[in-house]
Every structure is written in structure tokens, then in C-alpha cells.
Amino acid sequence: MGGRKKINLWFTVFFYASVLFFAVYLFRQKDLQVHIAHLRPLWLVLSVLLLWAGFFAATLSWRKALQVHDIHINVRMAVYSHGISVLGKYIPGKVWVIVGRAFPVTAGGTAFHRATLASLKEQLLYLFLGLFISVVPVLIYYPAGYVTLILLVSLLLLGMVLFVPVVHRLAASLLGKVTGKELDLPLIDLKQSAGMGVYILFYWLLWTAGFWFFLISLAGDVAWVQALAFPLSVCYGVMAIMFPGGIGIRESIMTGFLVLTGIDTDMAVTVSLLNRLWYITGELFLFFLALLLGIGIKKKS
């Protein structure tokens, strides 16, 4: 009982801290100024619906990741545990993104270590597949530049670390020496990850399609390939450990890529800034849905 109380305490601290840091972020956006010449409301509504659908699909991916590690929860608990921790990315350091959603699952009696490992594996696979998707637009628009080189090297190194045992052990050893701690860096089995990969690709598809409609709502007719600026910017935002939620990194990469692909600078900046607010609507949708479901879960408990 003492261990469970300690976990509940940490989860409470995490919950209120994530809300606080998220509120601070929103407050800093109060002076945000953008200029939109022509807004297409229908496309914007469709983009938001696809975004929200992607967030819901992400909870199913989380449930699948737990199933792979022999932790079985229903859809309601998957939505609750993932949604209640979705604002944790705004807390400095990426650790809360991994462990936040493992807290509610552990409080239900499963091993915290296994739940955290499942969360980490799903996040790493999410990152790898997002970079893989991003290769397409970069090769089309920038086939012989440093951007392509950086992306291909990032994808190759991450893939080798995650899937190749020899490279995985070497990376774990090097990271352990740098941090001074023995790190439990997971090796991902290709067969084991296939099920998770399908779910992850599905919500990447929903989000990217939603971003394409979001682009259309602001900039008019745009090529579908330009929408793949979304996974590219999100992935490097995730890898920027020192920037909570990838703030600044995502916007810079998205702006640069959109300009590179032919969108004028003012519109690219507008899209990248409003995209953050667009994405936040999905986070809030899932967060409040989790709060509603959490009321029923606590009553049942």
C-alpha cells in the first residue's frame, strides 16, 4: 500500500505541474499577433476533427504498447492514462512524457517498470516512424542538401540503436558513461513492434492529413507533400530535450521547410505559429476527455 500511495503522490505532483507549465506557456502567447487574409472555415473544422481523431488513435496505440508488454487495460483506461498526462510535455525535460501515463496504470496494480518501458518503446517507435515519413518531402524538395543529410543520418542512427543489438549495446554503454548511470535503453523487436507500428502510422496519417487541411484553410491550394512538414518539425521538437514541448524548434523547422517548398515567408510564419495553437486544441480535447472518464473510473474504484 505504501508503494501505491507514493505513486499516487507523484502522479498528483506531476498532474498539477503539467497544468501549471501549460498555463505559463499559454500566458506567454497572449501577445501573439498573426495576420490571416482569407480563412476557409470548413477546411479548418475538418483539420481539427482529424487532429482530434489522431489524438484518440494515439490512446489506442498506447493500449497496444501495454498489451505487447502483457499489461491489459480497457479503452477507457487507455484514454484516461494517456490523456491525463498529455500536458506533461510542457514540463522541462522529456521524462514526464514517458512516465506520466504509466502512473495511472501502475496505480491499478501493474508493474511501474514495465509500463514505463512500454511507454518509452512506443515513443521511440513514434519518433522513428515520424522521421521515416519525413524522408519523402525532404528527398523531393531538397535532395542534395544538408537538411537531407541530417535527416537520413538521424533516421539511420536511431534505427540502428533501436533495432540492431550490437549498436544498441554500444549506444547504451556510451550513454551510461556520459550520464554516470546504467540506462535501460530498450531494444525493439521488429515482430513485437509491428502491431504498435500500425497504430502509430495511423495516427501520424490522421495528424498529417489534418495539417494539410489546416494549411489549405490558411494558404489556399497547397501540395500534399508540404503537409509532411508536420511530422518533420514534431520529431525534431521531440528530440530537442532542453525545449519543453519542442517550443521554438518545431516552429523554426516548420517555417523553414514551408519557405523551402514555395510558401512565402509571412504565411509560413503564420502557419507555424497558429499550428501550435491548433495542436493544443487536440491536447485539450484529450485532456478534458480524460478528466471526464476519470470521474467514472474513480467512482468505480
C-alpha atoms as a PDB file:
ATOM      1  CA  MET A   1       0.000   0.000   0.000  1.00  0.00           C
ATOM      2  CA  GLY A   2       2.894   2.326   0.797  1.00  0.00           C
ATOM      3  CA  GLY A   3       4.255   1.964  -2.755  1.00  0.00           C
ATOM      4  CA  ARG A   4       0.883   2.707  -4.291  1.00  0.00           C
ATOM      5  CA  LYS A   5       0.414   5.801  -2.116  1.00  0.00           C
ATOM      6  CA  LYS A   6       3.846   7.036  -3.174  1.00  0.00           C
ATOM      7  CA  ILE A   7       2.958   6.542  -6.849  1.00  0.00           C
ATOM      8  CA  ASN A   8      -0.340   8.377  -6.365  1.00  0.00           C
ATOM      9  CA  LEU A   9       1.527  11.243  -4.695  1.00  0.00           C
ATOM     10  CA  TRP A  10       3.979  11.546  -7.571  1.00  0.00           C
ATOM     11  CA  PHE A  11       1.141  11.410 -10.077  1.00  0.00           C
ATOM     12  CA  THR A  12      -0.655  14.229  -8.237  1.00  0.00           C
ATOM     13  CA  VAL A  13       2.515  16.343  -8.307  1.00  0.00           C
ATOM     14  CA  PHE A  14       3.005  15.583 -11.993  1.00  0.00           C
ATOM     15  CA  PHE A  15      -0.612  16.392 -12.837  1.00  0.00           C
ATOM     16  CA  TYR A  16      -0.630  19.845 -11.244  1.00  0.00           C
ATOM     17  CA  ALA A  17       2.869  20.658 -12.503  1.00  0.00           C
ATOM     18  CA  SER A  18       1.890  19.836 -16.088  1.00  0.00           C
ATOM     19  CA  VAL A  19      -1.194  22.053 -15.853  1.00  0.00           C
ATOM     20  CA  LEU A  20       0.888  24.868 -14.345  1.00  0.00           C
ATOM     21  CA  PHE A  21       3.603  24.766 -17.004  1.00  0.00           C
ATOM     22  CA  PHE A  22       0.959  24.566 -19.720  1.00  0.00           C
ATOM     23  CA  ALA A  23      -0.777  27.643 -18.269  1.00  0.00           C
ATOM     24  CA  VAL A  24       2.559  29.507 -18.237  1.00  0.00           C
ATOM     25  CA  TYR A  25       3.069  28.631 -21.892  1.00  0.00           C
ATOM     26  CA  LEU A  26      -0.398  29.906 -22.843  1.00  0.00           C
ATOM     27  CA  PHE A  27       0.167  33.135 -20.892  1.00  0.00           C
ATOM     28  CA  ARG A  28       3.329  33.790 -22.890  1.00  0.00           C
ATOM     29  CA  GLN A  29       1.275  33.579 -26.098  1.00  0.00           C
ATOM     30  CA  LYS A  30      -1.058  36.427 -25.098  1.00  0.00           C
ATOM     31  CA  ASP A  31       0.783  38.926 -27.327  1.00  0.00           C
ATOM     32  CA  LEU A  32       0.858  36.619 -30.345  1.00  0.00           C
ATOM     33  CA  GLN A  33      -0.038  38.547 -33.491  1.00  0.00           C
ATOM     34  CA  VAL A  34      -0.742  36.917 -36.847  1.00  0.00           C
ATOM     35  CA  HIS A  35      -2.410  38.169 -39.979  1.00  0.00           C
ATOM     36  CA  ILE A  36      -4.786  35.998 -41.998  1.00  0.00           C
ATOM     37  CA  ALA A  37      -6.079  37.365 -45.310  1.00  0.00           C
ATOM     38  CA  HIS A  38      -8.566  34.599 -46.135  1.00  0.00           C
ATOM     39  CA  LEU A  39      -9.663  31.895 -43.717  1.00  0.00           C
ATOM     40  CA  ARG A  40     -11.536  28.845 -45.020  1.00  0.00           C
ATOM     41  CA  PRO A  41     -13.642  27.705 -42.030  1.00  0.00           C
ATOM     42  CA  LEU A  42     -14.775  24.355 -43.452  1.00  0.00           C
ATOM     43  CA  TRP A  43     -11.231  23.176 -44.061  1.00  0.00           C
ATOM     44  CA  LEU A  44     -10.244  24.387 -40.606  1.00  0.00           C
ATOM     45  CA  VAL A  45     -13.065  22.414 -38.953  1.00  0.00           C
ATOM     46  CA  LEU A  46     -12.119  19.288 -40.904  1.00  0.00           C
ATOM     47  CA  SER A  47      -8.485  19.713 -39.864  1.00  0.00           C
ATOM     48  CA  VAL A  48      -9.435  19.961 -36.181  1.00  0.00           C
ATOM     49  CA  LEU A  49     -11.621  16.852 -36.397  1.00  0.00           C
ATOM     50  CA  LEU A  50      -8.781  14.863 -37.965  1.00  0.00           C
ATOM     51  CA  LEU A  51      -6.389  16.195 -35.330  1.00  0.00           C
ATOM     52  CA  TRP A  52      -8.682  15.100 -32.508  1.00  0.00           C
ATOM     53  CA  ALA A  53      -9.199  11.709 -34.146  1.00  0.00           C
ATOM     54  CA  GLY A  54      -5.421  11.329 -34.239  1.00  0.00           C
ATOM     55  CA  PHE A  55      -5.164  12.058 -30.530  1.00  0.00           C
ATOM     56  CA  PHE A  56      -7.798   9.423 -29.787  1.00  0.00           C
ATOM     57  CA  ALA A  57      -5.961   6.932 -32.023  1.00  0.00           C
ATOM     58  CA  ALA A  58      -2.788   7.649 -30.026  1.00  0.00           C
ATOM     59  CA  THR A  59      -4.521   6.294 -26.920  1.00  0.00           C
ATOM     60  CA  LEU A  60      -5.197   3.041 -28.776  1.00  0.00           C
ATOM     61  CA  SER A  61      -1.521   2.880 -29.720  1.00  0.00           C
ATOM     62  CA  TRP A  62      -0.647   3.283 -26.019  1.00  0.00           C
ATOM     63  CA  ARG A  63      -3.046   0.459 -25.161  1.00  0.00           C
ATOM     64  CA  LYS A  64      -1.412  -1.748 -27.799  1.00  0.00           C
ATOM     65  CA  ALA A  65       2.053  -0.976 -26.412  1.00  0.00           C
ATOM     66  CA  LEU A  66       0.900  -2.102 -22.969  1.00  0.00           C
ATOM     67  CA  GLN A  67      -0.617  -5.287 -24.401  1.00  0.00           C
ATOM     68  CA  VAL A  68       2.714  -6.141 -26.017  1.00  0.00           C
ATOM     69  CA  HIS A  69       4.231  -5.981 -22.514  1.00  0.00           C
ATOM     70  CA  ASP A  70       1.452  -8.137 -21.035  1.00  0.00           C
ATOM     71  CA  ILE A  71      -0.367  -5.225 -19.410  1.00  0.00           C
ATOM     72  CA  HIS A  72      -4.035  -5.281 -20.328  1.00  0.00           C
ATOM     73  CA  ILE A  73      -6.322  -2.283 -19.868  1.00  0.00           C
ATOM     74  CA  ASN A  74      -9.579  -1.251 -21.496  1.00  0.00           C
ATOM     75  CA  VAL A  75     -10.002   1.667 -23.891  1.00  0.00           C
ATOM     76  CA  ARG A  76     -11.390   3.869 -21.140  1.00  0.00           C
ATOM     77  CA  MET A  77      -8.266   3.494 -19.001  1.00  0.00           C
ATOM     78  CA  ALA A  78      -6.075   3.964 -22.079  1.00  0.00           C
ATOM     79  CA  VAL A  79      -7.754   7.302 -22.825  1.00  0.00           C
ATOM     80  CA  TYR A  80      -7.579   8.341 -19.182  1.00  0.00           C
ATOM     81  CA  SER A  81      -3.933   7.435 -18.554  1.00  0.00           C
ATOM     82  CA  HIS A  82      -2.709   8.918 -21.838  1.00  0.00           C
ATOM     83  CA  GLY A  83      -4.945  11.981 -21.807  1.00  0.00           C
ATOM     84  CA  ILE A  84      -4.409  12.987 -18.193  1.00  0.00           C
ATOM     85  CA  SER A  85      -0.658  13.158 -18.825  1.00  0.00           C
ATOM     86  CA  VAL A  86      -0.705  14.757 -22.279  1.00  0.00           C
ATOM     87  CA  LEU A  87       0.305  18.188 -20.936  1.00  0.00           C
ATOM     88  CA  GLY A  88       3.413  16.728 -19.308  1.00  0.00           C
ATOM     89  CA  LYS A  89       5.476  17.674 -22.371  1.00  0.00           C
ATOM     90  CA  TYR A  90       5.404  21.295 -21.187  1.00  0.00           C
ATOM     91  CA  ILE A  91       7.397  20.377 -18.078  1.00  0.00           C
ATOM     92  CA  PRO A  92      11.149  20.850 -18.772  1.00  0.00           C
ATOM     93  CA  GLY A  93      12.827  17.538 -19.552  1.00  0.00           C
ATOM     94  CA  LYS A  94      11.228  14.754 -21.558  1.00  0.00           C
ATOM     95  CA  VAL A  95      10.972  12.232 -18.719  1.00  0.00           C
ATOM     96  CA  TRP A  96       7.383  13.184 -17.883  1.00  0.00           C
ATOM     97  CA  VAL A  97       6.286  12.373 -21.422  1.00  0.00           C
ATOM     98  CA  ILE A  98       7.407   8.790 -20.761  1.00  0.00           C
ATOM     99  CA  VAL A  99       6.457   8.151 -17.146  1.00  0.00           C
ATOM    100  CA  GLY A 100       3.364  10.370 -16.850  1.00  0.00           C
ATOM    101  CA  ARG A 101       0.931   7.966 -18.457  1.00  0.00           C
ATOM    102  CA  ALA A 102       2.447   4.989 -16.640  1.00  0.00           C
ATOM    103  CA  PHE A 103       1.350   6.367 -13.240  1.00  0.00           C
ATOM    104  CA  PRO A 104      -2.411   5.683 -13.559  1.00  0.00           C
ATOM    105  CA  VAL A 105      -1.754   2.217 -14.999  1.00  0.00           C
ATOM    106  CA  THR A 106       0.585   1.356 -12.144  1.00  0.00           C
ATOM    107  CA  ALA A 107      -1.894   2.641  -9.583  1.00  0.00           C
ATOM    108  CA  GLY A 108      -4.164  -0.079 -10.945  1.00  0.00           C
ATOM    109  CA  GLY A 109      -1.681  -2.707  -9.764  1.00  0.00           C
ATOM    110  CA  THR A 110       0.635  -3.360 -12.715  1.00  0.00           C
ATOM    111  CA  ALA A 111       4.420  -3.040 -12.546  1.00  0.00           C
ATOM    112  CA  PHE A 112       5.566   0.552 -12.988  1.00  0.00           C
ATOM    113  CA  HIS A 113       8.794  -0.514 -14.660  1.00  0.00           C
ATOM    114  CA  ARG A 114       7.023  -2.490 -17.391  1.00  0.00           C
ATOM    115  CA  ALA A 115       4.505   0.284 -18.019  1.00  0.00           C
ATOM    116  CA  THR A 116       7.315   2.844 -18.313  1.00  0.00           C
ATOM    117  CA  LEU A 117       9.257   0.569 -20.653  1.00  0.00           C
ATOM    118  CA  ALA A 118       6.161   0.154 -22.831  1.00  0.00           C
ATOM    119  CA  SER A 119       5.726   3.935 -22.914  1.00  0.00           C
ATOM    120  CA  LEU A 120       9.362   4.511 -23.854  1.00  0.00           C
ATOM    121  CA  LYS A 121       9.280   1.935 -26.646  1.00  0.00           C
ATOM    122  CA  GLU A 122       6.095   3.391 -28.100  1.00  0.00           C
ATOM    123  CA  GLN A 123       7.567   6.901 -28.012  1.00  0.00           C
ATOM    124  CA  LEU A 124      10.802   5.813 -29.694  1.00  0.00           C
ATOM    125  CA  LEU A 125       8.916   3.960 -32.404  1.00  0.00           C
ATOM    126  CA  TYR A 126       6.686   7.029 -32.841  1.00  0.00           C
ATOM    127  CA  LEU A 127       9.808   9.120 -33.361  1.00  0.00           C
ATOM    128  CA  PHE A 128      11.380   6.673 -35.809  1.00  0.00           C
ATOM    129  CA  LEU A 129       8.246   6.371 -37.949  1.00  0.00           C
ATOM    130  CA  GLY A 130       7.729  10.137 -37.934  1.00  0.00           C
ATOM    131  CA  LEU A 131      11.257  10.645 -39.272  1.00  0.00           C
ATOM    132  CA  PHE A 132      10.682   7.886 -41.820  1.00  0.00           C
ATOM    133  CA  ILE A 133       7.583   9.680 -43.114  1.00  0.00           C
ATOM    134  CA  SER A 134       9.527  12.941 -43.252  1.00  0.00           C
ATOM    135  CA  VAL A 135      12.104  11.478 -45.645  1.00  0.00           C
ATOM    136  CA  VAL A 136       9.600  11.750 -48.507  1.00  0.00           C
ATOM    137  CA  PRO A 137       9.228  15.555 -48.689  1.00  0.00           C
ATOM    138  CA  VAL A 138      12.878  16.212 -47.950  1.00  0.00           C
ATOM    139  CA  LEU A 139      14.042  13.968 -50.787  1.00  0.00           C
ATOM    140  CA  ILE A 140      11.525  15.601 -53.142  1.00  0.00           C
ATOM    141  CA  TYR A 141      12.297  19.242 -52.320  1.00  0.00           C
ATOM    142  CA  TYR A 142      15.864  19.158 -51.058  1.00  0.00           C
ATOM    143  CA  PRO A 143      17.546  16.035 -52.477  1.00  0.00           C
ATOM    144  CA  ALA A 144      21.164  17.152 -52.274  1.00  0.00           C
ATOM    145  CA  GLY A 145      21.398  19.432 -49.243  1.00  0.00           C
ATOM    146  CA  TYR A 146      22.486  19.305 -45.643  1.00  0.00           C
ATOM    147  CA  VAL A 147      18.849  19.008 -44.492  1.00  0.00           C
ATOM    148  CA  THR A 148      18.555  15.679 -46.300  1.00  0.00           C
ATOM    149  CA  LEU A 149      21.869  14.507 -44.890  1.00  0.00           C
ATOM    150  CA  ILE A 150      20.902  15.382 -41.311  1.00  0.00           C
ATOM    151  CA  LEU A 151      17.543  13.642 -41.634  1.00  0.00           C
ATOM    152  CA  LEU A 152      18.948  10.477 -43.212  1.00  0.00           C
ATOM    153  CA  VAL A 153      21.733  10.247 -40.631  1.00  0.00           C
ATOM    154  CA  SER A 154      19.231  10.799 -37.800  1.00  0.00           C
ATOM    155  CA  LEU A 155      16.932   8.094 -39.164  1.00  0.00           C
ATOM    156  CA  LEU A 156      19.777   5.646 -39.752  1.00  0.00           C
ATOM    157  CA  LEU A 157      21.329   6.133 -36.315  1.00  0.00           C
ATOM    158  CA  LEU A 158      18.009   5.933 -34.487  1.00  0.00           C
ATOM    159  CA  GLY A 159      17.013   2.819 -36.430  1.00  0.00           C
ATOM    160  CA  MET A 160      20.312   1.084 -35.684  1.00  0.00           C
ATOM    161  CA  VAL A 161      20.139   1.971 -31.985  1.00  0.00           C
ATOM    162  CA  LEU A 162      16.563   0.720 -31.696  1.00  0.00           C
ATOM    163  CA  PHE A 163      16.719  -2.425 -33.825  1.00  0.00           C
ATOM    164  CA  VAL A 164      20.364  -3.631 -34.131  1.00  0.00           C
ATOM    165  CA  PRO A 165      21.555  -5.401 -30.936  1.00  0.00           C
ATOM    166  CA  VAL A 166      25.279  -4.612 -31.341  1.00  0.00           C
ATOM    167  CA  VAL A 167      24.712  -0.910 -31.964  1.00  0.00           C
ATOM    168  CA  HIS A 168      22.064  -0.845 -29.220  1.00  0.00           C
ATOM    169  CA  ARG A 169      24.503  -2.197 -26.626  1.00  0.00           C
ATOM    170  CA  LEU A 170      27.196   0.260 -27.731  1.00  0.00           C
ATOM    171  CA  ALA A 171      24.793   3.221 -27.507  1.00  0.00           C
ATOM    172  CA  ALA A 172      23.539   2.142 -24.074  1.00  0.00           C
ATOM    173  CA  SER A 173      27.121   1.809 -22.850  1.00  0.00           C
ATOM    174  CA  LEU A 174      28.150   5.233 -24.177  1.00  0.00           C
ATOM    175  CA  LEU A 175      25.077   6.938 -22.723  1.00  0.00           C
ATOM    176  CA  GLY A 176      25.719   5.218 -19.411  1.00  0.00           C
ATOM    177  CA  LYS A 177      29.282   6.570 -19.303  1.00  0.00           C
ATOM    178  CA  VAL A 178      28.125  10.081 -20.192  1.00  0.00           C
ATOM    179  CA  THR A 179      25.323  10.168 -17.611  1.00  0.00           C
ATOM    180  CA  GLY A 180      27.131   8.106 -14.979  1.00  0.00           C
ATOM    181  CA  LYS A 181      24.111   5.818 -14.682  1.00  0.00           C
ATOM    182  CA  GLU A 182      23.192   2.438 -16.092  1.00  0.00           C
ATOM    183  CA  LEU A 183      20.461   3.174 -18.623  1.00  0.00           C
ATOM    184  CA  ASP A 184      17.687   0.755 -19.504  1.00  0.00           C
ATOM    185  CA  LEU A 185      17.564   1.687 -23.194  1.00  0.00           C
ATOM    186  CA  PRO A 186      15.070  -0.680 -24.824  1.00  0.00           C
ATOM    187  CA  LEU A 187      15.913  -2.832 -27.836  1.00  0.00           C
ATOM    188  CA  ILE A 188      12.839  -3.042 -30.038  1.00  0.00           C
ATOM    189  CA  ASP A 189      11.975  -6.364 -31.621  1.00  0.00           C
ATOM    190  CA  LEU A 190      10.703  -5.917 -35.191  1.00  0.00           C
ATOM    191  CA  LYS A 191       7.985  -8.555 -34.847  1.00  0.00           C
ATOM    192  CA  GLN A 192       6.941  -7.168 -31.482  1.00  0.00           C
ATOM    193  CA  SER A 193       6.808  -3.612 -32.810  1.00  0.00           C
ATOM    194  CA  ALA A 194       4.765  -4.421 -35.932  1.00  0.00           C
ATOM    195  CA  GLY A 195       1.433  -4.137 -34.108  1.00  0.00           C
ATOM    196  CA  MET A 196       2.387  -0.878 -32.437  1.00  0.00           C
ATOM    197  CA  GLY A 197       3.732   0.447 -35.730  1.00  0.00           C
ATOM    198  CA  VAL A 198       0.366   0.088 -37.465  1.00  0.00           C
ATOM    199  CA  TYR A 199      -1.367   2.156 -34.772  1.00  0.00           C
ATOM    200  CA  ILE A 200       1.382   4.776 -34.774  1.00  0.00           C
ATOM    201  CA  LEU A 201       1.341   5.152 -38.552  1.00  0.00           C
ATOM    202  CA  PHE A 202      -2.434   5.509 -38.397  1.00  0.00           C
ATOM    203  CA  TYR A 203      -2.385   8.497 -36.069  1.00  0.00           C
ATOM    204  CA  TRP A 204       0.563  10.047 -37.928  1.00  0.00           C
ATOM    205  CA  LEU A 205      -1.609   9.779 -41.063  1.00  0.00           C
ATOM    206  CA  LEU A 206      -4.569  11.431 -39.329  1.00  0.00           C
ATOM    207  CA  TRP A 207      -2.431  14.258 -37.956  1.00  0.00           C
ATOM    208  CA  THR A 208      -0.642  14.867 -41.243  1.00  0.00           C
ATOM    209  CA  ALA A 209      -3.908  14.886 -43.201  1.00  0.00           C
ATOM    210  CA  GLY A 210      -5.312  17.275 -40.600  1.00  0.00           C
ATOM    211  CA  PHE A 211      -2.308  19.561 -41.015  1.00  0.00           C
ATOM    212  CA  TRP A 212      -2.772  19.508 -44.797  1.00  0.00           C
ATOM    213  CA  PHE A 213      -6.364  20.725 -44.351  1.00  0.00           C
ATOM    214  CA  PHE A 214      -5.066  23.285 -41.840  1.00  0.00           C
ATOM    215  CA  LEU A 215      -2.620  24.561 -44.473  1.00  0.00           C
ATOM    216  CA  ILE A 216      -5.416  24.793 -47.044  1.00  0.00           C
ATOM    217  CA  SER A 217      -7.585  26.742 -44.586  1.00  0.00           C
ATOM    218  CA  LEU A 218      -4.896  29.412 -44.297  1.00  0.00           C
ATOM    219  CA  ALA A 219      -2.881  29.352 -47.512  1.00  0.00           C
ATOM    220  CA  GLY A 220      -5.295  28.008 -50.122  1.00  0.00           C
ATOM    221  CA  ASP A 221      -4.164  25.371 -52.608  1.00  0.00           C
ATOM    222  CA  VAL A 222      -1.010  23.630 -51.397  1.00  0.00           C
ATOM    223  CA  ALA A 223       0.702  20.386 -52.376  1.00  0.00           C
ATOM    224  CA  TRP A 224       0.011  17.405 -50.115  1.00  0.00           C
ATOM    225  CA  VAL A 225       3.762  16.875 -49.728  1.00  0.00           C
ATOM    226  CA  GLN A 226       4.028  20.215 -47.944  1.00  0.00           C
ATOM    227  CA  ALA A 227       1.869  18.805 -45.147  1.00  0.00           C
ATOM    228  CA  LEU A 228       4.716  16.472 -44.263  1.00  0.00           C
ATOM    229  CA  ALA A 229       6.431  19.464 -42.698  1.00  0.00           C
ATOM    230  CA  PHE A 230       4.337  18.491 -39.673  1.00  0.00           C
ATOM    231  CA  PRO A 231       5.979  15.153 -38.763  1.00  0.00           C
ATOM    232  CA  LEU A 232       9.399  16.583 -39.618  1.00  0.00           C
ATOM    233  CA  SER A 233       9.039  19.508 -37.222  1.00  0.00           C
ATOM    234  CA  VAL A 234       7.346  17.473 -34.481  1.00  0.00           C
ATOM    235  CA  CYS A 235      10.056  14.791 -34.450  1.00  0.00           C
ATOM    236  CA  TYR A 236      12.925  17.231 -34.109  1.00  0.00           C
ATOM    237  CA  GLY A 237      10.917  19.102 -31.495  1.00  0.00           C
ATOM    238  CA  VAL A 238      10.698  15.860 -29.503  1.00  0.00           C
ATOM    239  CA  MET A 239      14.446  15.296 -29.850  1.00  0.00           C
ATOM    240  CA  ALA A 240      15.182  18.804 -28.540  1.00  0.00           C
ATOM    241  CA  ILE A 241      15.264  17.649 -24.924  1.00  0.00           C
ATOM    242  CA  MET A 242      16.011  21.073 -23.456  1.00  0.00           C
ATOM    243  CA  PHE A 243      12.932  22.688 -25.015  1.00  0.00           C
ATOM    244  CA  PRO A 244       9.614  21.788 -23.297  1.00  0.00           C
ATOM    245  CA  GLY A 245       7.148  20.637 -25.939  1.00  0.00           C
ATOM    246  CA  GLY A 246       9.733  21.437 -28.624  1.00  0.00           C
ATOM    247  CA  ILE A 247       8.723  25.098 -28.312  1.00  0.00           C
ATOM    248  CA  GLY A 248      10.638  27.203 -30.815  1.00  0.00           C
ATOM    249  CA  ILE A 249      12.275  24.233 -32.513  1.00  0.00           C
ATOM    250  CA  ARG A 250       9.068  22.984 -34.128  1.00  0.00           C
ATOM    251  CA  GLU A 251       8.093  26.438 -35.321  1.00  0.00           C
ATOM    252  CA  SER A 252      11.532  27.171 -36.779  1.00  0.00           C
ATOM    253  CA  ILE A 253      11.765  23.898 -38.689  1.00  0.00           C
ATOM    254  CA  MET A 254       8.201  24.164 -39.969  1.00  0.00           C
ATOM    255  CA  THR A 255       8.727  27.757 -41.145  1.00  0.00           C
ATOM    256  CA  GLY A 256      11.978  26.903 -42.878  1.00  0.00           C
ATOM    257  CA  PHE A 257      10.561  23.890 -44.669  1.00  0.00           C
ATOM    258  CA  LEU A 258       7.413  25.667 -45.813  1.00  0.00           C
ATOM    259  CA  VAL A 259       9.514  28.526 -47.228  1.00  0.00           C
ATOM    260  CA  LEU A 260      11.769  25.975 -48.899  1.00  0.00           C
ATOM    261  CA  THR A 261       8.759  24.384 -50.585  1.00  0.00           C
ATOM    262  CA  GLY A 262       7.407  27.624 -52.016  1.00  0.00           C
ATOM    263  CA  ILE A 263       5.184  29.253 -49.375  1.00  0.00           C
ATOM    264  CA  ASP A 264       6.016  32.915 -48.762  1.00  0.00           C
ATOM    265  CA  THR A 265       7.744  33.779 -45.514  1.00  0.00           C
ATOM    266  CA  ASP A 266       4.878  35.694 -43.874  1.00  0.00           C
ATOM    267  CA  MET A 267       2.407  32.872 -44.483  1.00  0.00           C
ATOM    268  CA  ALA A 268       4.932  30.237 -43.351  1.00  0.00           C
ATOM    269  CA  VAL A 269       5.472  32.090 -40.063  1.00  0.00           C
ATOM    270  CA  THR A 270       1.719  32.474 -39.575  1.00  0.00           C
ATOM    271  CA  VAL A 271       1.126  28.779 -40.210  1.00  0.00           C
ATOM    272  CA  SER A 272       3.893  27.686 -37.831  1.00  0.00           C
ATOM    273  CA  LEU A 273       2.645  29.938 -35.022  1.00  0.00           C
ATOM    274  CA  LEU A 274      -1.034  29.050 -35.417  1.00  0.00           C
ATOM    275  CA  ASN A 275      -0.139  25.395 -35.820  1.00  0.00           C
ATOM    276  CA  ARG A 276       0.921  25.287 -32.174  1.00  0.00           C
ATOM    277  CA  LEU A 277      -2.469  26.624 -31.095  1.00  0.00           C
ATOM    278  CA  TRP A 278      -4.186  24.220 -33.497  1.00  0.00           C
ATOM    279  CA  TYR A 279      -2.292  21.314 -31.963  1.00  0.00           C
ATOM    280  CA  ILE A 280      -3.123  22.487 -28.441  1.00  0.00           C
ATOM    281  CA  THR A 281      -6.844  22.089 -29.197  1.00  0.00           C
ATOM    282  CA  GLY A 282      -6.159  18.371 -29.656  1.00  0.00           C
ATOM    283  CA  GLU A 283      -4.233  18.168 -26.392  1.00  0.00           C
ATOM    284  CA  LEU A 284      -7.018  19.927 -24.517  1.00  0.00           C
ATOM    285  CA  PHE A 285      -9.655  17.721 -26.172  1.00  0.00           C
ATOM    286  CA  LEU A 286      -7.897  14.602 -24.918  1.00  0.00           C
ATOM    287  CA  PHE A 287      -7.090  16.118 -21.518  1.00  0.00           C
ATOM    288  CA  PHE A 288     -10.693  17.073 -20.747  1.00  0.00           C
ATOM    289  CA  LEU A 289     -11.978  13.781 -22.148  1.00  0.00           C
ATOM    290  CA  ALA A 290      -9.615  12.025 -19.731  1.00  0.00           C
ATOM    291  CA  LEU A 291     -10.882  14.157 -16.846  1.00  0.00           C
ATOM    292  CA  LEU A 292     -14.472  13.145 -17.643  1.00  0.00           C
ATOM    293  CA  LEU A 293     -13.584   9.486 -17.901  1.00  0.00           C
ATOM    294  CA  GLY A 294     -11.506   9.744 -14.737  1.00  0.00           C
ATOM    295  CA  ILE A 295     -14.585  10.670 -12.725  1.00  0.00           C
ATOM    296  CA  GLY A 296     -16.221   7.384 -13.682  1.00  0.00           C
ATOM    297  CA  ILE A 297     -13.035   5.411 -13.068  1.00  0.00           C
ATOM    298  CA  LYS A 298     -12.627   6.812  -9.539  1.00  0.00           C
ATOM    299  CA  LYS A 299     -16.268   6.135  -8.686  1.00  0.00           C
ATOM    300  CA  LYS A 300     -15.888   2.584  -9.931  1.00  0.00           C
ATOM    301  CA  SER A 301     -12.735   2.134  -7.885  1.00  0.00           C
END
